[in-house]
Amino acid sequence: VPRRLEALALALTDKAAATSSQALRAPMPGRLVSLAVAEGESVEAGQTLAVMEAMKMETALSAESAGEVAEILARPGALLSLDDPILRLS
């Protein structure tokens, strides 16, 4: 049981760290198809940041506000769960 608790605590810590700045999160379970930005790149509100696929349908994920890509947390091809962080904006 302690190992399960350690894994859960680590997962929650990772998600909490991603929320310290503005994070782009997976809106659904699925595969990350592509990233349209790189770390350090400036983005505008409404700009497409990534594309996810679920059940053979692609969904473009856009920036809610302007900022800079501080960290990329998921790579194309990754299978993501609901609310997994994809990248962090500052």
N, C-alpha and C. Protein backbone atom coordinates (compact mmCIF):
# COMPACT_ATOMS: atom_id res chain seq x y z
N VAL A 1 0.82 -1.20 0.00
CA VAL A 1 0.00 0.00 0.00
C VAL A 1 0.86 1.27 0.00
N PRO A 2 1.97 1.36 0.77
CA PRO A 2 2.75 2.58 0.76
C PRO A 2 3.27 2.96 -0.63
N ARG A 3 3.62 1.97 -1.47
CA ARG A 3 4.08 2.29 -2.82
C ARG A 3 2.97 2.92 -3.65
N ARG A 4 1.75 2.44 -3.47
CA ARG A 4 0.63 3.04 -4.18
C ARG A 4 0.43 4.48 -3.73
N LEU A 5 0.57 4.71 -2.44
CA LEU A 5 0.42 6.07 -1.93
C LEU A 5 1.53 6.98 -2.45
N GLU A 6 2.75 6.45 -2.54
CA GLU A 6 3.86 7.23 -3.09
C GLU A 6 3.58 7.61 -4.53
N ALA A 7 3.10 6.66 -5.33
CA ALA A 7 2.80 6.92 -6.74
C ALA A 7 1.69 7.96 -6.86
N LEU A 8 0.66 7.85 -6.03
CA LEU A 8 -0.43 8.81 -6.06
C LEU A 8 0.06 10.19 -5.65
N ALA A 9 0.86 10.28 -4.61
CA ALA A 9 1.40 11.56 -4.16
C ALA A 9 2.26 12.21 -5.25
N LEU A 10 3.06 11.41 -5.94
CA LEU A 10 3.90 11.92 -7.02
C LEU A 10 3.04 12.44 -8.16
N ALA A 11 2.00 11.71 -8.53
CA ALA A 11 1.11 12.14 -9.60
C ALA A 11 0.42 13.44 -9.24
N LEU A 12 -0.06 13.54 -8.00
CA LEU A 12 -0.72 14.77 -7.57
C LEU A 12 0.25 15.94 -7.52
N THR A 13 1.48 15.70 -7.11
CA THR A 13 2.49 16.76 -7.06
C THR A 13 2.79 17.26 -8.46
N ASP A 14 2.92 16.35 -9.42
CA ASP A 14 3.18 16.75 -10.81
C ASP A 14 2.05 17.61 -11.34
N LYS A 15 0.80 17.22 -11.06
CA LYS A 15 -0.34 18.01 -11.54
C LYS A 15 -0.39 19.36 -10.83
N ALA A 16 -0.07 19.40 -9.55
CA ALA A 16 -0.08 20.67 -8.82
C ALA A 16 0.99 21.61 -9.37
N ALA A 17 2.16 21.07 -9.71
CA ALA A 17 3.23 21.91 -10.27
C ALA A 17 2.80 22.50 -11.60
N ALA A 18 2.06 21.73 -12.38
CA ALA A 18 1.63 22.22 -13.69
C ALA A 18 0.59 23.32 -13.55
N THR A 19 -0.10 23.40 -12.42
CA THR A 19 -1.11 24.44 -12.26
C THR A 19 -0.55 25.71 -11.65
N SER A 20 0.73 25.72 -11.26
CA SER A 20 1.31 26.91 -10.66
C SER A 20 1.36 28.04 -11.69
N SER A 21 1.48 27.73 -12.94
CA SER A 21 1.35 28.68 -14.03
C SER A 21 0.14 28.23 -14.83
N GLN A 22 -0.09 28.87 -15.93
CA GLN A 22 -1.20 28.48 -16.78
C GLN A 22 -0.81 27.22 -17.54
N ALA A 23 -1.58 26.15 -17.38
CA ALA A 23 -1.26 24.88 -18.04
C ALA A 23 -2.32 24.54 -19.07
N LEU A 24 -1.86 24.00 -20.19
CA LEU A 24 -2.76 23.43 -21.18
C LEU A 24 -2.93 21.97 -20.78
N ARG A 25 -4.17 21.55 -20.57
CA ARG A 25 -4.45 20.20 -20.09
C ARG A 25 -5.30 19.45 -21.11
N ALA A 26 -5.19 18.13 -21.06
CA ALA A 26 -5.98 17.28 -21.95
C ALA A 26 -7.46 17.41 -21.59
N PRO A 27 -8.30 17.80 -22.54
CA PRO A 27 -9.73 17.94 -22.25
C PRO A 27 -10.47 16.61 -22.27
N MET A 28 -9.75 15.53 -22.64
CA MET A 28 -10.36 14.21 -22.76
C MET A 28 -9.24 13.18 -22.80
N PRO A 29 -9.54 11.94 -22.55
CA PRO A 29 -8.53 10.90 -22.75
C PRO A 29 -8.27 10.76 -24.25
N GLY A 30 -7.03 10.58 -24.62
CA GLY A 30 -6.70 10.41 -26.04
C GLY A 30 -5.21 10.47 -26.28
N ARG A 31 -4.85 10.53 -27.56
CA ARG A 31 -3.45 10.56 -27.97
C ARG A 31 -3.08 11.97 -28.40
N LEU A 32 -1.92 12.43 -27.96
CA LEU A 32 -1.40 13.71 -28.40
C LEU A 32 -0.81 13.51 -29.79
N VAL A 33 -1.42 14.12 -30.79
CA VAL A 33 -0.99 13.94 -32.18
C VAL A 33 0.20 14.82 -32.50
N SER A 34 0.10 16.10 -32.12
CA SER A 34 1.18 17.02 -32.46
C SER A 34 1.21 18.22 -31.52
N LEU A 35 2.37 18.85 -31.48
CA LEU A 35 2.55 20.13 -30.78
C LEU A 35 2.89 21.16 -31.85
N ALA A 36 2.27 22.33 -31.76
CA ALA A 36 2.49 23.37 -32.75
C ALA A 36 3.44 24.45 -32.24
N VAL A 37 3.98 24.27 -31.04
CA VAL A 37 4.85 25.27 -30.42
C VAL A 37 6.06 24.59 -29.79
N ALA A 38 7.06 25.40 -29.47
CA ALA A 38 8.27 24.91 -28.80
C ALA A 38 8.49 25.71 -27.53
N GLU A 39 9.29 25.15 -26.61
CA GLU A 39 9.60 25.88 -25.38
C GLU A 39 10.24 27.22 -25.72
N GLY A 40 9.84 28.25 -25.00
CA GLY A 40 10.38 29.59 -25.20
C GLY A 40 9.62 30.40 -26.24
N GLU A 41 8.72 29.79 -26.96
CA GLU A 41 7.97 30.48 -28.01
C GLU A 41 6.85 31.32 -27.42
N SER A 42 6.66 32.52 -27.94
CA SER A 42 5.54 33.38 -27.53
C SER A 42 4.29 32.94 -28.28
N VAL A 43 3.16 32.96 -27.58
CA VAL A 43 1.89 32.57 -28.20
C VAL A 43 0.85 33.65 -27.95
N GLU A 44 -0.12 33.72 -28.84
CA GLU A 44 -1.23 34.66 -28.73
C GLU A 44 -2.49 33.92 -28.32
N ALA A 45 -3.43 34.62 -27.75
CA ALA A 45 -4.71 34.02 -27.38
C ALA A 45 -5.36 33.46 -28.63
N GLY A 46 -5.88 32.24 -28.54
CA GLY A 46 -6.54 31.61 -29.67
C GLY A 46 -5.62 30.82 -30.59
N GLN A 47 -4.32 30.94 -30.40
CA GLN A 47 -3.36 30.21 -31.23
C GLN A 47 -3.42 28.72 -30.91
N THR A 48 -3.38 27.89 -31.95
CA THR A 48 -3.36 26.44 -31.74
C THR A 48 -2.01 26.03 -31.16
N LEU A 49 -2.08 25.28 -30.05
CA LEU A 49 -0.87 24.83 -29.36
C LEU A 49 -0.60 23.35 -29.60
N ALA A 50 -1.67 22.56 -29.70
CA ALA A 50 -1.51 21.11 -29.83
C ALA A 50 -2.76 20.53 -30.46
N VAL A 51 -2.63 19.29 -30.93
CA VAL A 51 -3.77 18.55 -31.49
C VAL A 51 -3.83 17.20 -30.79
N MET A 52 -5.03 16.84 -30.33
CA MET A 52 -5.27 15.53 -29.71
C MET A 52 -6.24 14.75 -30.58
N GLU A 53 -6.18 13.42 -30.44
CA GLU A 53 -7.10 12.54 -31.16
C GLU A 53 -7.75 11.58 -30.17
N ALA A 54 -9.06 11.45 -30.30
CA ALA A 54 -9.80 10.48 -29.50
C ALA A 54 -10.90 9.91 -30.38
N MET A 55 -10.99 8.61 -30.43
CA MET A 55 -12.01 7.94 -31.23
C MET A 55 -12.00 8.43 -32.68
N LYS A 56 -10.80 8.56 -33.24
CA LYS A 56 -10.57 8.95 -34.64
C LYS A 56 -11.01 10.36 -34.97
N MET A 57 -11.24 11.19 -33.95
CA MET A 57 -11.58 12.60 -34.17
C MET A 57 -10.47 13.46 -33.59
N GLU A 58 -10.00 14.42 -34.38
CA GLU A 58 -8.94 15.31 -33.91
C GLU A 58 -9.54 16.58 -33.32
N THR A 59 -8.91 17.06 -32.26
CA THR A 59 -9.34 18.28 -31.59
C THR A 59 -8.13 19.20 -31.43
N ALA A 60 -8.24 20.42 -31.93
CA ALA A 60 -7.17 21.41 -31.78
C ALA A 60 -7.33 22.08 -30.42
N LEU A 61 -6.22 22.23 -29.70
CA LEU A 61 -6.22 22.87 -28.39
C LEU A 61 -5.54 24.22 -28.52
N SER A 62 -6.22 25.26 -28.08
CA SER A 62 -5.75 26.63 -28.27
C SER A 62 -5.41 27.32 -26.95
N ALA A 63 -4.58 28.34 -27.06
CA ALA A 63 -4.20 29.15 -25.89
C ALA A 63 -5.39 30.02 -25.47
N GLU A 64 -5.66 30.05 -24.18
CA GLU A 64 -6.73 30.90 -23.67
C GLU A 64 -6.29 32.35 -23.60
N SER A 65 -4.98 32.57 -23.43
CA SER A 65 -4.46 33.93 -23.35
C SER A 65 -3.03 33.95 -23.89
N ALA A 66 -2.52 35.13 -24.11
CA ALA A 66 -1.14 35.27 -24.60
C ALA A 66 -0.16 34.87 -23.51
N GLY A 67 1.00 34.42 -23.92
CA GLY A 67 2.03 34.04 -22.96
C GLY A 67 3.23 33.46 -23.68
N GLU A 68 4.06 32.76 -22.92
CA GLU A 68 5.24 32.11 -23.45
C GLU A 68 5.25 30.66 -22.98
N VAL A 69 5.63 29.75 -23.88
CA VAL A 69 5.69 28.33 -23.53
C VAL A 69 6.87 28.14 -22.58
N ALA A 70 6.56 27.85 -21.33
CA ALA A 70 7.61 27.70 -20.31
C ALA A 70 8.16 26.28 -20.29
N GLU A 71 7.28 25.28 -20.51
CA GLU A 71 7.72 23.89 -20.41
C GLU A 71 6.75 23.00 -21.18
N ILE A 72 7.30 22.05 -21.92
CA ILE A 72 6.49 21.04 -22.60
C ILE A 72 6.51 19.79 -21.72
N LEU A 73 5.32 19.32 -21.36
CA LEU A 73 5.19 18.24 -20.40
C LEU A 73 4.78 16.91 -21.04
N ALA A 74 4.35 16.92 -22.30
CA ALA A 74 3.95 15.70 -23.00
C ALA A 74 4.49 15.76 -24.42
N ARG A 75 4.77 14.63 -24.98
CA ARG A 75 5.33 14.54 -26.34
C ARG A 75 4.32 13.91 -27.28
N PRO A 76 4.39 14.25 -28.57
CA PRO A 76 3.48 13.63 -29.55
C PRO A 76 3.56 12.10 -29.46
N GLY A 77 2.39 11.48 -29.56
CA GLY A 77 2.30 10.03 -29.44
C GLY A 77 1.90 9.58 -28.05
N ALA A 78 2.02 10.47 -27.07
CA ALA A 78 1.69 10.11 -25.69
C ALA A 78 0.19 9.88 -25.54
N LEU A 79 -0.17 8.88 -24.75
CA LEU A 79 -1.56 8.63 -24.41
C LEU A 79 -1.85 9.39 -23.12
N LEU A 80 -2.81 10.29 -23.19
CA LEU A 80 -3.11 11.17 -22.07
C LEU A 80 -4.47 10.84 -21.46
N SER A 81 -4.57 11.04 -20.18
CA SER A 81 -5.84 10.92 -19.46
C SER A 81 -6.46 12.30 -19.35
N LEU A 82 -7.72 12.33 -18.99
CA LEU A 82 -8.41 13.59 -18.76
C LEU A 82 -7.62 14.44 -17.78
N ASP A 83 -7.37 15.69 -18.13
CA ASP A 83 -6.73 16.69 -17.27
C ASP A 83 -5.22 16.53 -17.12
N ASP A 84 -4.60 15.61 -17.88
CA ASP A 84 -3.13 15.52 -17.84
C ASP A 84 -2.55 16.81 -18.43
N PRO A 85 -1.49 17.35 -17.83
CA PRO A 85 -0.87 18.55 -18.37
C PRO A 85 -0.10 18.25 -19.66
N ILE A 86 -0.24 19.13 -20.64
CA ILE A 86 0.47 18.98 -21.92
C ILE A 86 1.64 19.96 -21.98
N LEU A 87 1.38 21.20 -21.61
CA LEU A 87 2.44 22.21 -21.55
C LEU A 87 2.05 23.28 -20.57
N ARG A 88 3.05 24.08 -20.19
CA ARG A 88 2.84 25.15 -19.22
C ARG A 88 3.22 26.48 -19.85
N LEU A 89 2.35 27.44 -19.71
CA LEU A 89 2.60 28.80 -20.20
C LEU A 89 2.94 29.72 -19.03
N SER A 90 3.80 30.69 -19.29
CA SER A 90 4.08 31.68 -18.24
C SER A 90 3.63 33.05 -18.70
